[in-house]
Amino acid sequence: MGRRWIFDGHIAGLGTASGLRAVVGVWQESPFGAFSDVMVQQPSGHRLLLAPTAEVARFISDTYCFDDVRVLKVNTTLARDLLTVDAGALAVRARLGPRTLLGSVLRAVPRPLAVHPRWLRVINPVAAVLSGGSRTSGAALSGRHEYYGVSDLRTISSAVVQWDGVDAGVLTPIVPAVTFGFSSVPPQPSLARVRTTVVDTGAAGDKCPSRRPAE
């Protein structure tokens, strides 16, 4: 394996009745220090990255697919039962629900194993079935390969989401799936405890998927 980058923290995914979908990364440890970022897919399919620094924006946009990138303050708080996001046009206040059945299963796996790239490559087909399409291993852009090691999973029970000061509607499943890269968050709004490992393989990466799933 070539150079690798490790991000340790949480990923939240949620959908709204208006069709706006958001994936929030709250990273306690990373090569760029602690930071948060948001990937937004608008009802039109337009994909937008909200990142706190140019350096973070460059790395993420070299790994995932976006139609627009904005560098701005991304403020998040993650408490026991609450996630808040304040990032430019986006404001989120989400209530966290109980641990899912899959989350209980994941917690039973020793974390050193649960986040190891070899394990994640092996369980990738099973993970896609159990999680509704999310994958644990796959090719990204720029000749990179990604591994998602999830060690806990909680539901998001409710959320107030605003875009440009306008309410985006009630919390809904993330349907259609977001199209930022090879993987996706589960359809059910949730918060995952995750370690993401990105490895530079030197090979050609996947092309960006279309904004919308194929008909």
N, C-alpha and C. Protein backbone atom coordinates (compact mmCIF):
# COMPACT_ATOMS: atom_id res chain seq x y z
N MET A 1 0.83 -1.20 0.00
CA MET A 1 0.00 0.00 0.00
C MET A 1 0.86 1.25 0.00
N GLY A 2 0.35 2.31 -0.65
CA GLY A 2 1.06 3.57 -0.67
C GLY A 2 0.68 4.43 0.51
N ARG A 3 0.79 5.71 0.32
CA ARG A 3 0.47 6.66 1.38
C ARG A 3 -0.98 6.46 1.85
N ARG A 4 -1.18 6.64 3.15
CA ARG A 4 -2.54 6.52 3.67
C ARG A 4 -2.89 7.67 4.58
N TRP A 5 -4.20 7.97 4.62
CA TRP A 5 -4.75 9.01 5.48
C TRP A 5 -5.86 8.37 6.32
N ILE A 6 -5.87 8.64 7.62
CA ILE A 6 -6.86 8.04 8.52
C ILE A 6 -7.68 9.14 9.18
N PHE A 7 -8.99 8.97 9.11
CA PHE A 7 -9.94 9.92 9.70
C PHE A 7 -10.79 9.16 10.72
N ASP A 8 -10.80 9.63 11.96
CA ASP A 8 -11.52 8.96 13.03
C ASP A 8 -12.58 9.91 13.59
N GLY A 9 -13.83 9.49 13.57
CA GLY A 9 -14.89 10.35 14.08
C GLY A 9 -16.26 9.79 13.83
N HIS A 10 -17.16 10.64 13.32
CA HIS A 10 -18.56 10.26 13.10
C HIS A 10 -19.04 10.78 11.75
N ILE A 11 -19.96 10.03 11.15
CA ILE A 11 -20.64 10.46 9.93
C ILE A 11 -22.14 10.38 10.17
N ALA A 12 -22.83 11.48 9.89
CA ALA A 12 -24.30 11.51 9.98
C ALA A 12 -24.87 11.70 8.59
N GLY A 13 -25.92 10.95 8.30
CA GLY A 13 -26.61 11.10 7.02
C GLY A 13 -28.09 11.34 7.27
N LEU A 14 -28.67 12.29 6.54
CA LEU A 14 -30.10 12.56 6.70
C LEU A 14 -30.70 13.07 5.40
N GLY A 15 -32.01 12.80 5.23
CA GLY A 15 -32.75 13.30 4.10
C GLY A 15 -33.90 14.16 4.58
N THR A 16 -34.47 14.94 3.68
CA THR A 16 -35.59 15.81 4.03
C THR A 16 -36.68 15.69 2.98
N ALA A 17 -37.88 16.13 3.35
CA ALA A 17 -39.03 16.03 2.46
C ALA A 17 -38.85 16.85 1.19
N SER A 18 -38.03 17.91 1.24
CA SER A 18 -37.80 18.75 0.06
C SER A 18 -36.89 18.08 -0.96
N GLY A 19 -36.21 17.01 -0.55
CA GLY A 19 -35.25 16.34 -1.42
C GLY A 19 -33.82 16.69 -1.13
N LEU A 20 -33.59 17.66 -0.23
CA LEU A 20 -32.22 17.99 0.16
C LEU A 20 -31.68 16.88 1.06
N ARG A 21 -30.48 16.41 0.76
CA ARG A 21 -29.84 15.36 1.56
C ARG A 21 -28.46 15.84 1.99
N ALA A 22 -28.04 15.46 3.19
CA ALA A 22 -26.76 15.93 3.72
C ALA A 22 -26.01 14.80 4.41
N VAL A 23 -24.69 14.80 4.23
CA VAL A 23 -23.80 13.88 4.93
C VAL A 23 -22.79 14.73 5.70
N VAL A 24 -22.81 14.61 7.01
CA VAL A 24 -21.98 15.44 7.89
C VAL A 24 -20.84 14.60 8.46
N GLY A 25 -19.62 15.06 8.29
CA GLY A 25 -18.47 14.40 8.90
C GLY A 25 -17.98 15.21 10.09
N VAL A 26 -17.89 14.58 11.24
CA VAL A 26 -17.37 15.22 12.46
C VAL A 26 -16.14 14.43 12.85
N TRP A 27 -14.97 14.96 12.54
CA TRP A 27 -13.73 14.21 12.68
C TRP A 27 -12.94 14.69 13.89
N GLN A 28 -12.80 13.80 14.87
CA GLN A 28 -12.03 14.14 16.06
C GLN A 28 -10.52 14.04 15.81
N GLU A 29 -10.14 13.14 14.90
CA GLU A 29 -8.72 12.96 14.57
C GLU A 29 -8.59 12.78 13.07
N SER A 30 -7.62 13.49 12.48
CA SER A 30 -7.37 13.37 11.05
C SER A 30 -6.00 13.96 10.74
N PRO A 31 -5.49 13.77 9.52
CA PRO A 31 -4.23 14.41 9.14
C PRO A 31 -4.32 15.93 9.13
N PHE A 32 -5.54 16.47 9.15
CA PHE A 32 -5.75 17.93 9.13
C PHE A 32 -6.21 18.45 10.48
N GLY A 33 -6.09 17.61 11.52
CA GLY A 33 -6.57 17.99 12.83
C GLY A 33 -8.06 17.72 12.95
N ALA A 34 -8.66 18.18 14.02
CA ALA A 34 -10.10 18.02 14.21
C ALA A 34 -10.84 19.02 13.31
N PHE A 35 -11.85 18.55 12.60
CA PHE A 35 -12.64 19.43 11.75
C PHE A 35 -13.97 18.76 11.40
N SER A 36 -14.87 19.53 10.83
CA SER A 36 -16.14 19.00 10.32
C SER A 36 -16.31 19.46 8.88
N ASP A 37 -17.01 18.66 8.09
CA ASP A 37 -17.34 19.02 6.72
C ASP A 37 -18.74 18.52 6.42
N VAL A 38 -19.35 19.06 5.37
CA VAL A 38 -20.69 18.63 4.97
C VAL A 38 -20.73 18.44 3.46
N MET A 39 -21.30 17.32 3.04
CA MET A 39 -21.60 17.09 1.63
C MET A 39 -23.12 17.22 1.48
N VAL A 40 -23.55 18.10 0.60
CA VAL A 40 -24.97 18.37 0.39
C VAL A 40 -25.35 18.00 -1.04
N GLN A 41 -26.46 17.27 -1.18
CA GLN A 41 -27.01 17.06 -2.51
C GLN A 41 -28.40 17.67 -2.54
N GLN A 42 -28.58 18.63 -3.42
CA GLN A 42 -29.82 19.37 -3.50
C GLN A 42 -30.87 18.58 -4.30
N PRO A 43 -32.14 18.96 -4.21
CA PRO A 43 -33.19 18.24 -4.94
C PRO A 43 -32.90 18.11 -6.44
N SER A 44 -32.20 19.08 -7.02
CA SER A 44 -31.86 19.05 -8.45
C SER A 44 -30.79 18.01 -8.76
N GLY A 45 -30.12 17.49 -7.71
CA GLY A 45 -28.98 16.59 -7.91
C GLY A 45 -27.64 17.28 -7.75
N HIS A 46 -27.64 18.61 -7.68
CA HIS A 46 -26.41 19.38 -7.53
C HIS A 46 -25.68 18.97 -6.25
N ARG A 47 -24.38 18.65 -6.39
CA ARG A 47 -23.57 18.17 -5.27
C ARG A 47 -22.62 19.27 -4.80
N LEU A 48 -22.67 19.54 -3.51
CA LEU A 48 -21.94 20.67 -2.95
C LEU A 48 -21.14 20.24 -1.73
N LEU A 49 -19.87 20.63 -1.69
CA LEU A 49 -19.02 20.38 -0.52
C LEU A 49 -18.87 21.67 0.27
N LEU A 50 -19.10 21.58 1.58
CA LEU A 50 -18.85 22.68 2.50
C LEU A 50 -17.68 22.25 3.38
N ALA A 51 -16.54 22.93 3.24
CA ALA A 51 -15.32 22.53 3.94
C ALA A 51 -14.70 23.72 4.67
N PRO A 52 -14.01 23.48 5.80
CA PRO A 52 -13.53 24.59 6.62
C PRO A 52 -12.24 25.24 6.14
N THR A 53 -11.44 24.56 5.33
CA THR A 53 -10.19 25.13 4.83
C THR A 53 -9.97 24.69 3.39
N ALA A 54 -9.12 25.43 2.69
CA ALA A 54 -8.81 25.08 1.31
C ALA A 54 -8.11 23.73 1.24
N GLU A 55 -7.27 23.44 2.22
CA GLU A 55 -6.54 22.17 2.23
C GLU A 55 -7.48 20.99 2.38
N VAL A 56 -8.43 21.09 3.31
CA VAL A 56 -9.42 20.03 3.50
C VAL A 56 -10.29 19.90 2.26
N ALA A 57 -10.71 21.04 1.71
CA ALA A 57 -11.56 21.01 0.51
C ALA A 57 -10.85 20.32 -0.65
N ARG A 58 -9.56 20.58 -0.81
CA ARG A 58 -8.81 19.99 -1.91
C ARG A 58 -8.73 18.47 -1.75
N PHE A 59 -8.45 18.01 -0.54
CA PHE A 59 -8.33 16.57 -0.33
C PHE A 59 -9.67 15.87 -0.58
N ILE A 60 -10.75 16.42 0.00
CA ILE A 60 -12.05 15.76 -0.13
C ILE A 60 -12.53 15.79 -1.58
N SER A 61 -12.33 16.91 -2.27
CA SER A 61 -12.79 17.00 -3.65
C SER A 61 -11.93 16.18 -4.60
N ASP A 62 -10.72 15.82 -4.18
CA ASP A 62 -9.88 14.90 -4.96
C ASP A 62 -10.30 13.44 -4.75
N THR A 63 -11.13 13.20 -3.73
CA THR A 63 -11.54 11.84 -3.39
C THR A 63 -13.00 11.57 -3.75
N TYR A 64 -13.84 12.59 -3.66
CA TYR A 64 -15.27 12.47 -3.94
C TYR A 64 -15.67 13.42 -5.07
N CYS A 65 -16.91 13.32 -5.50
CA CYS A 65 -17.41 14.08 -6.64
C CYS A 65 -18.34 15.21 -6.21
N PHE A 66 -18.06 16.42 -6.71
CA PHE A 66 -18.90 17.58 -6.40
C PHE A 66 -19.04 18.45 -7.64
N ASP A 67 -20.14 19.19 -7.68
CA ASP A 67 -20.37 20.18 -8.73
C ASP A 67 -19.94 21.56 -8.27
N ASP A 68 -19.78 21.73 -6.95
CA ASP A 68 -19.42 23.03 -6.39
C ASP A 68 -18.74 22.79 -5.04
N VAL A 69 -17.75 23.61 -4.72
CA VAL A 69 -17.03 23.51 -3.46
C VAL A 69 -16.99 24.89 -2.81
N ARG A 70 -17.37 24.96 -1.53
CA ARG A 70 -17.32 26.22 -0.81
C ARG A 70 -16.47 26.06 0.45
N VAL A 71 -15.55 26.97 0.64
CA VAL A 71 -14.70 26.99 1.84
C VAL A 71 -15.29 28.03 2.79
N LEU A 72 -15.73 27.57 3.96
CA LEU A 72 -16.38 28.45 4.94
C LEU A 72 -16.33 27.79 6.31
N LYS A 73 -16.78 28.51 7.30
CA LYS A 73 -16.80 27.96 8.65
C LYS A 73 -17.85 26.85 8.73
N VAL A 74 -17.43 25.70 9.26
CA VAL A 74 -18.35 24.58 9.48
C VAL A 74 -18.32 24.28 10.97
N ASN A 75 -19.33 24.75 11.68
CA ASN A 75 -19.40 24.57 13.12
C ASN A 75 -20.37 23.44 13.45
N THR A 76 -19.91 22.47 14.24
CA THR A 76 -20.77 21.37 14.65
C THR A 76 -20.62 21.15 16.15
N THR A 77 -21.68 20.62 16.74
CA THR A 77 -21.61 20.11 18.11
C THR A 77 -22.23 18.73 18.10
N LEU A 78 -21.58 17.81 18.77
CA LEU A 78 -22.09 16.45 18.87
C LEU A 78 -22.12 16.08 20.35
N ALA A 79 -23.32 16.12 20.92
CA ALA A 79 -23.53 15.77 22.32
C ALA A 79 -24.15 14.38 22.38
N ARG A 80 -24.53 13.97 23.58
CA ARG A 80 -25.04 12.61 23.76
C ARG A 80 -26.25 12.33 22.88
N ASP A 81 -27.18 13.28 22.77
CA ASP A 81 -28.42 13.05 22.03
C ASP A 81 -28.71 14.13 21.00
N LEU A 82 -27.70 14.93 20.64
CA LEU A 82 -27.96 16.06 19.75
C LEU A 82 -26.76 16.32 18.83
N LEU A 83 -27.07 16.57 17.56
CA LEU A 83 -26.08 17.00 16.58
C LEU A 83 -26.56 18.32 15.99
N THR A 84 -25.71 19.34 16.04
CA THR A 84 -26.04 20.61 15.40
C THR A 84 -24.98 20.95 14.37
N VAL A 85 -25.42 21.61 13.31
CA VAL A 85 -24.53 22.02 12.23
C VAL A 85 -24.87 23.45 11.83
N ASP A 86 -23.84 24.28 11.70
CA ASP A 86 -24.00 25.64 11.19
C ASP A 86 -22.90 25.84 10.16
N ALA A 87 -23.28 25.81 8.88
CA ALA A 87 -22.29 25.85 7.80
C ALA A 87 -22.85 26.64 6.63
N GLY A 88 -22.61 27.93 6.61
CA GLY A 88 -23.09 28.74 5.51
C GLY A 88 -24.61 28.71 5.42
N ALA A 89 -25.11 28.25 4.28
CA ALA A 89 -26.56 28.21 4.06
C ALA A 89 -27.25 27.10 4.83
N LEU A 90 -26.48 26.15 5.35
CA LEU A 90 -27.06 24.98 6.00
C LEU A 90 -27.08 25.11 7.52
N ALA A 91 -28.23 24.81 8.10
CA ALA A 91 -28.37 24.74 9.56
C ALA A 91 -29.14 23.46 9.89
N VAL A 92 -28.60 22.68 10.84
CA VAL A 92 -29.21 21.41 11.21
C VAL A 92 -29.25 21.30 12.73
N ARG A 93 -30.38 20.82 13.22
CA ARG A 93 -30.50 20.46 14.63
C ARG A 93 -31.17 19.09 14.66
N ALA A 94 -30.38 18.05 14.93
CA ALA A 94 -30.86 16.67 14.83
C ALA A 94 -30.83 15.97 16.18
N ARG A 95 -31.93 15.31 16.51
CA ARG A 95 -32.02 14.51 17.73
C ARG A 95 -31.61 13.08 17.43
N LEU A 96 -30.73 12.55 18.27
CA LEU A 96 -30.24 11.19 18.08
C LEU A 96 -31.14 10.20 18.80
N GLY A 97 -31.44 9.09 18.14
CA GLY A 97 -32.27 8.05 18.71
C GLY A 97 -31.44 6.90 19.24
N PRO A 98 -32.05 5.74 19.43
CA PRO A 98 -31.35 4.60 20.01
C PRO A 98 -30.38 3.94 19.04
N ARG A 99 -29.54 3.11 19.58
CA ARG A 99 -28.63 2.31 18.77
C ARG A 99 -29.45 1.32 17.93
N THR A 100 -29.05 1.12 16.69
CA THR A 100 -29.75 0.18 15.83
C THR A 100 -29.30 -1.25 16.14
N LEU A 101 -30.05 -2.21 15.61
CA LEU A 101 -29.64 -3.62 15.77
C LEU A 101 -28.28 -3.85 15.14
N LEU A 102 -28.09 -3.28 13.96
CA LEU A 102 -26.78 -3.42 13.31
C LEU A 102 -25.70 -2.77 14.15
N GLY A 103 -26.01 -1.64 14.79
CA GLY A 103 -25.04 -0.98 15.66
C GLY A 103 -24.63 -1.86 16.81
N SER A 104 -25.58 -2.60 17.38
CA SER A 104 -25.27 -3.52 18.48
C SER A 104 -24.36 -4.63 18.01
N VAL A 105 -24.61 -5.13 16.79
CA VAL A 105 -23.75 -6.17 16.23
C VAL A 105 -22.34 -5.63 16.00
N LEU A 106 -22.25 -4.42 15.46
CA LEU A 106 -20.94 -3.83 15.17
C LEU A 106 -20.13 -3.61 16.44
N ARG A 107 -20.80 -3.22 17.52
CA ARG A 107 -20.10 -2.98 18.78
C ARG A 107 -19.50 -4.26 19.36
N ALA A 108 -20.03 -5.40 18.94
CA ALA A 108 -19.53 -6.68 19.45
C ALA A 108 -18.22 -7.09 18.76
N VAL A 109 -17.91 -6.45 17.64
CA VAL A 109 -16.67 -6.75 16.92
C VAL A 109 -15.54 -5.91 17.52
N PRO A 110 -14.43 -6.54 17.94
CA PRO A 110 -13.32 -5.75 18.50
C PRO A 110 -12.91 -4.63 17.53
N ARG A 111 -12.78 -3.41 18.03
CA ARG A 111 -12.56 -2.27 17.14
C ARG A 111 -11.31 -2.39 16.28
N PRO A 112 -10.18 -2.91 16.81
CA PRO A 112 -9.01 -3.05 15.93
C PRO A 112 -9.31 -3.90 14.69
N LEU A 113 -10.17 -4.90 14.85
CA LEU A 113 -10.58 -5.71 13.70
C LEU A 113 -11.60 -4.96 12.85
N ALA A 114 -12.56 -4.31 13.50
CA ALA A 114 -13.66 -3.66 12.79
C ALA A 114 -13.20 -2.57 11.84
N VAL A 115 -12.04 -1.95 12.10
CA VAL A 115 -11.56 -0.85 11.26
C VAL A 115 -10.38 -1.25 10.37
N HIS A 116 -10.00 -2.53 10.40
CA HIS A 116 -8.82 -2.97 9.64
C HIS A 116 -9.17 -3.13 8.16
N PRO A 117 -8.37 -2.58 7.25
CA PRO A 117 -8.68 -2.66 5.82
C PRO A 117 -8.89 -4.08 5.30
N ARG A 118 -8.13 -5.06 5.77
CA ARG A 118 -8.31 -6.43 5.25
C ARG A 118 -9.69 -6.96 5.62
N TRP A 119 -10.12 -6.73 6.86
CA TRP A 119 -11.45 -7.14 7.31
C TRP A 119 -12.53 -6.43 6.50
N LEU A 120 -12.35 -5.14 6.26
CA LEU A 120 -13.35 -4.36 5.55
C LEU A 120 -13.47 -4.78 4.10
N ARG A 121 -12.38 -5.23 3.52
CA ARG A 121 -12.44 -5.72 2.14
C ARG A 121 -13.22 -7.04 2.08
N VAL A 122 -13.02 -7.89 3.09
CA VAL A 122 -13.69 -9.20 3.11
C VAL A 122 -15.19 -9.06 3.31
N ILE A 123 -15.60 -8.17 4.24
CA ILE A 123 -17.02 -8.09 4.58
C ILE A 123 -17.80 -7.14 3.68
N ASN A 124 -17.14 -6.53 2.71
CA ASN A 124 -17.80 -5.54 1.86
C ASN A 124 -19.12 -6.03 1.24
N PRO A 125 -19.17 -7.24 0.66
CA PRO A 125 -20.45 -7.68 0.06
C PRO A 125 -21.57 -7.84 1.09
N VAL A 126 -21.22 -8.33 2.28
CA VAL A 126 -22.23 -8.52 3.33
C VAL A 126 -22.70 -7.17 3.85
N ALA A 127 -21.77 -6.25 4.03
CA ALA A 127 -22.12 -4.92 4.55
C ALA A 127 -23.10 -4.22 3.65
N ALA A 128 -22.93 -4.35 2.33
CA ALA A 128 -23.82 -3.69 1.38
C ALA A 128 -25.25 -4.18 1.52
N VAL A 129 -25.40 -5.47 1.82
CA VAL A 129 -26.74 -6.05 1.98
C VAL A 129 -27.36 -5.60 3.30
N LEU A 130 -26.60 -5.69 4.39
CA LEU A 130 -27.13 -5.39 5.72
C LEU A 130 -27.46 -3.91 5.90
N SER A 131 -26.71 -3.04 5.22
CA SER A 131 -26.87 -1.60 5.45
C SER A 131 -27.72 -0.91 4.40
N GLY A 132 -28.22 -1.65 3.43
CA GLY A 132 -29.03 -1.03 2.40
C GLY A 132 -28.24 -0.37 1.29
N GLY A 133 -27.01 -0.82 1.07
CA GLY A 133 -26.22 -0.31 -0.04
C GLY A 133 -24.89 0.29 0.32
N SER A 134 -24.64 0.60 1.58
CA SER A 134 -23.34 1.16 1.98
C SER A 134 -22.26 0.11 1.84
N ARG A 135 -21.11 0.54 1.37
CA ARG A 135 -19.98 -0.38 1.19
C ARG A 135 -18.86 -0.03 2.14
N THR A 136 -18.01 -1.00 2.44
CA THR A 136 -16.90 -0.79 3.36
C THR A 136 -15.55 -0.70 2.66
N SER A 137 -15.51 -0.98 1.36
CA SER A 137 -14.26 -0.97 0.63
C SER A 137 -14.54 -0.70 -0.84
N GLY A 138 -13.76 0.21 -1.44
CA GLY A 138 -13.97 0.48 -2.86
C GLY A 138 -13.04 1.55 -3.38
N ALA A 139 -12.94 1.62 -4.73
CA ALA A 139 -12.07 2.58 -5.39
C ALA A 139 -12.69 3.97 -5.35
N ALA A 140 -11.85 4.96 -5.13
CA ALA A 140 -12.28 6.36 -5.15
C ALA A 140 -11.58 7.07 -6.30
N LEU A 141 -11.58 8.39 -6.29
CA LEU A 141 -10.91 9.17 -7.33
C LEU A 141 -9.42 9.27 -7.05
N SER A 142 -8.69 9.81 -8.00
CA SER A 142 -7.25 10.12 -7.84
C SER A 142 -6.42 8.89 -7.48
N GLY A 143 -6.83 7.70 -7.94
CA GLY A 143 -6.06 6.50 -7.64
C GLY A 143 -6.09 6.10 -6.18
N ARG A 144 -7.15 6.45 -5.49
CA ARG A 144 -7.27 6.15 -4.07
C ARG A 144 -8.26 5.02 -3.82
N HIS A 145 -8.04 4.30 -2.72
CA HIS A 145 -8.96 3.26 -2.28
C HIS A 145 -9.40 3.61 -0.87
N GLU A 146 -10.70 3.42 -0.58
CA GLU A 146 -11.24 3.79 0.72
C GLU A 146 -11.74 2.58 1.49
N TYR A 147 -11.62 2.68 2.81
CA TYR A 147 -12.13 1.65 3.72
C TYR A 147 -12.93 2.35 4.82
N TYR A 148 -14.17 1.92 5.02
CA TYR A 148 -15.03 2.47 6.07
C TYR A 148 -15.20 1.44 7.18
N GLY A 149 -14.67 1.73 8.34
CA GLY A 149 -14.81 0.84 9.48
C GLY A 149 -15.80 1.41 10.49
N VAL A 150 -17.03 0.92 10.47
CA VAL A 150 -18.07 1.42 11.36
C VAL A 150 -18.13 0.55 12.61
N SER A 151 -18.09 1.18 13.79
CA SER A 151 -18.09 0.42 15.05
C SER A 151 -19.31 0.72 15.91
N ASP A 152 -20.20 1.60 15.45
CA ASP A 152 -21.45 1.86 16.17
C ASP A 152 -22.38 2.59 15.22
N LEU A 153 -23.70 2.46 15.45
CA LEU A 153 -24.67 3.10 14.57
C LEU A 153 -25.93 3.43 15.37
N ARG A 154 -26.32 4.71 15.36
CA ARG A 154 -27.53 5.18 16.04
C ARG A 154 -28.47 5.82 15.03
N THR A 155 -29.76 5.76 15.30
CA THR A 155 -30.71 6.43 14.45
C THR A 155 -30.70 7.93 14.72
N ILE A 156 -31.16 8.70 13.75
CA ILE A 156 -31.51 10.09 13.95
C ILE A 156 -33.03 10.12 13.99
N SER A 157 -33.60 10.48 15.11
CA SER A 157 -35.04 10.35 15.31
C SER A 157 -35.84 11.53 14.76
N SER A 158 -35.24 12.72 14.75
CA SER A 158 -35.91 13.90 14.21
C SER A 158 -34.86 14.94 13.88
N ALA A 159 -35.23 15.88 13.02
CA ALA A 159 -34.28 16.93 12.66
C ALA A 159 -35.01 18.14 12.09
N VAL A 160 -34.46 19.30 12.38
CA VAL A 160 -34.88 20.54 11.74
C VAL A 160 -33.72 20.95 10.84
N VAL A 161 -33.98 21.04 9.54
CA VAL A 161 -32.95 21.37 8.56
C VAL A 161 -33.39 22.60 7.78
N GLN A 162 -32.50 23.58 7.69
CA GLN A 162 -32.79 24.79 6.92
C GLN A 162 -31.70 25.01 5.88
N TRP A 163 -32.11 25.47 4.71
CA TRP A 163 -31.17 25.85 3.65
C TRP A 163 -31.52 27.27 3.21
N ASP A 164 -30.58 28.17 3.35
CA ASP A 164 -30.81 29.60 3.06
C ASP A 164 -31.99 30.14 3.85
N GLY A 165 -32.13 29.66 5.09
CA GLY A 165 -33.18 30.16 5.96
C GLY A 165 -34.55 29.56 5.71
N VAL A 166 -34.65 28.64 4.75
CA VAL A 166 -35.94 28.02 4.41
C VAL A 166 -35.96 26.59 4.93
N ASP A 167 -37.04 26.21 5.61
CA ASP A 167 -37.16 24.87 6.16
C ASP A 167 -37.17 23.85 5.02
N ALA A 168 -36.33 22.82 5.15
CA ALA A 168 -36.20 21.80 4.10
C ALA A 168 -37.22 20.68 4.25
N GLY A 169 -38.05 20.74 5.28
CA GLY A 169 -39.07 19.72 5.45
C GLY A 169 -38.69 18.67 6.48
N VAL A 170 -39.64 17.80 6.76
CA VAL A 170 -39.44 16.80 7.80
C VAL A 170 -38.35 15.80 7.41
N LEU A 171 -37.81 15.14 8.42
CA LEU A 171 -36.78 14.13 8.22
C LEU A 171 -37.35 12.96 7.42
N THR A 172 -36.61 12.49 6.41
CA THR A 172 -37.03 11.37 5.59
C THR A 172 -35.84 10.46 5.31
N PRO A 173 -36.08 9.26 4.78
CA PRO A 173 -34.97 8.42 4.32
C PRO A 173 -34.16 9.13 3.25
N ILE A 174 -32.92 8.72 3.09
CA ILE A 174 -32.01 9.33 2.13
C ILE A 174 -32.23 8.65 0.78
N VAL A 175 -33.29 9.06 0.12
CA VAL A 175 -33.72 8.46 -1.15
C VAL A 175 -34.06 9.59 -2.12
N PRO A 176 -33.45 9.59 -3.33
CA PRO A 176 -32.47 8.62 -3.81
C PRO A 176 -31.14 8.75 -3.06
N ALA A 177 -30.31 7.74 -3.19
CA ALA A 177 -29.01 7.76 -2.52
C ALA A 177 -28.16 8.90 -3.04
N VAL A 178 -27.31 9.44 -2.17
CA VAL A 178 -26.38 10.49 -2.60
C VAL A 178 -25.35 9.90 -3.54
N THR A 179 -24.78 10.76 -4.40
CA THR A 179 -23.85 10.29 -5.43
C THR A 179 -22.52 11.02 -5.37
N PHE A 180 -21.93 11.06 -4.18
CA PHE A 180 -20.63 11.73 -4.02
C PHE A 180 -19.46 10.82 -4.37
N GLY A 181 -19.64 9.50 -4.25
CA GLY A 181 -18.53 8.61 -4.49
C GLY A 181 -18.98 7.17 -4.52
N PHE A 182 -18.04 6.25 -4.35
CA PHE A 182 -18.34 4.83 -4.52
C PHE A 182 -19.33 4.32 -3.49
N SER A 183 -19.36 4.90 -2.32
CA SER A 183 -20.20 4.40 -1.25
C SER A 183 -21.38 5.34 -1.00
N SER A 184 -22.13 5.06 0.03
CA SER A 184 -23.27 5.89 0.40
C SER A 184 -23.53 5.68 1.87
N VAL A 185 -24.32 6.55 2.45
CA VAL A 185 -24.78 6.33 3.83
C VAL A 185 -26.02 5.45 3.78
N PRO A 186 -26.37 4.77 4.88
CA PRO A 186 -27.60 3.96 4.89
C PRO A 186 -28.82 4.81 4.58
N PRO A 187 -29.87 4.22 4.00
CA PRO A 187 -31.08 5.00 3.70
C PRO A 187 -31.72 5.61 4.95
N GLN A 188 -31.66 4.88 6.05
CA GLN A 188 -32.25 5.39 7.29
C GLN A 188 -31.36 6.47 7.90
N PRO A 189 -31.90 7.67 8.20
CA PRO A 189 -31.07 8.70 8.83
C PRO A 189 -30.38 8.16 10.08
N SER A 190 -29.07 8.36 10.17
CA SER A 190 -28.32 7.73 11.26
C SER A 190 -27.00 8.44 11.49
N LEU A 191 -26.39 8.10 12.62
CA LEU A 191 -25.06 8.60 12.99
C LEU A 191 -24.17 7.40 13.23
N ALA A 192 -23.06 7.32 12.50
CA ALA A 192 -22.13 6.20 12.60
C ALA A 192 -20.83 6.63 13.25
N ARG A 193 -20.32 5.79 14.13
CA ARG A 193 -18.95 5.94 14.64
C ARG A 193 -18.06 5.24 13.64
N VAL A 194 -17.10 5.94 13.06
CA VAL A 194 -16.40 5.40 11.91
C VAL A 194 -14.93 5.78 11.89
N ARG A 195 -14.14 4.88 11.33
CA ARG A 195 -12.77 5.22 10.95
C ARG A 195 -12.66 5.02 9.45
N THR A 196 -12.31 6.08 8.75
CA THR A 196 -12.14 6.03 7.30
C THR A 196 -10.65 6.03 6.98
N THR A 197 -10.22 5.04 6.22
CA THR A 197 -8.83 4.94 5.79
C THR A 197 -8.78 5.13 4.28
N VAL A 198 -8.02 6.11 3.83
CA VAL A 198 -7.86 6.38 2.40
C VAL A 198 -6.42 6.03 2.02
N VAL A 199 -6.28 5.18 1.01
CA VAL A 199 -4.96 4.70 0.60
C VAL A 199 -4.70 5.10 -0.84
N ASP A 200 -3.51 5.63 -1.10
CA ASP A 200 -3.08 5.96 -2.46
C ASP A 200 -2.52 4.69 -3.10
N THR A 201 -3.24 4.16 -4.09
CA THR A 201 -2.81 2.90 -4.73
C THR A 201 -1.96 3.13 -5.97
N GLY A 202 -2.02 4.35 -6.52
CA GLY A 202 -1.29 4.61 -7.75
C GLY A 202 -2.06 4.19 -8.99
N ALA A 203 -3.21 3.55 -8.80
CA ALA A 203 -4.03 3.12 -9.93
C ALA A 203 -5.01 4.21 -10.32
N ALA A 204 -5.65 4.05 -11.46
CA ALA A 204 -6.66 5.00 -11.90
C ALA A 204 -7.90 4.84 -11.05
N GLY A 205 -8.49 5.93 -10.56
CA GLY A 205 -9.69 5.86 -9.75
C GLY A 205 -10.95 5.81 -10.59
N ASP A 206 -12.07 5.55 -9.95
CA ASP A 206 -13.36 5.54 -10.62
C ASP A 206 -13.70 6.94 -11.13
N LYS A 207 -14.55 6.99 -12.16
CA LYS A 207 -15.08 8.26 -12.61
C LYS A 207 -16.22 8.68 -11.69
N CYS A 208 -16.52 9.99 -11.70
CA CYS A 208 -17.62 10.47 -10.88
C CYS A 208 -18.92 9.86 -11.38
N PRO A 209 -19.76 9.38 -10.45
CA PRO A 209 -21.08 8.90 -10.87
C PRO A 209 -21.96 10.06 -11.30
N SER A 210 -22.99 9.77 -12.06
CA SER A 210 -23.93 10.80 -12.46
C SER A 210 -24.65 11.33 -11.22
N ARG A 211 -25.22 12.51 -11.34
CA ARG A 211 -25.92 13.10 -10.19
C ARG A 211 -27.09 12.24 -9.74
N ARG A 212 -27.75 11.61 -10.69
CA ARG A 212 -28.95 10.85 -10.39
C ARG A 212 -28.73 9.38 -10.71
N PRO A 213 -29.33 8.46 -9.94
CA PRO A 213 -29.22 7.05 -10.27
C PRO A 213 -29.81 6.79 -11.65
N ALA A 214 -29.27 5.77 -12.31
CA ALA A 214 -29.77 5.41 -13.63
C ALA A 214 -31.22 4.99 -13.55
N GLU A 215 -32.00 5.35 -14.56
CA GLU A 215 -33.41 4.98 -14.57
C GLU A 215 -33.56 3.49 -14.89
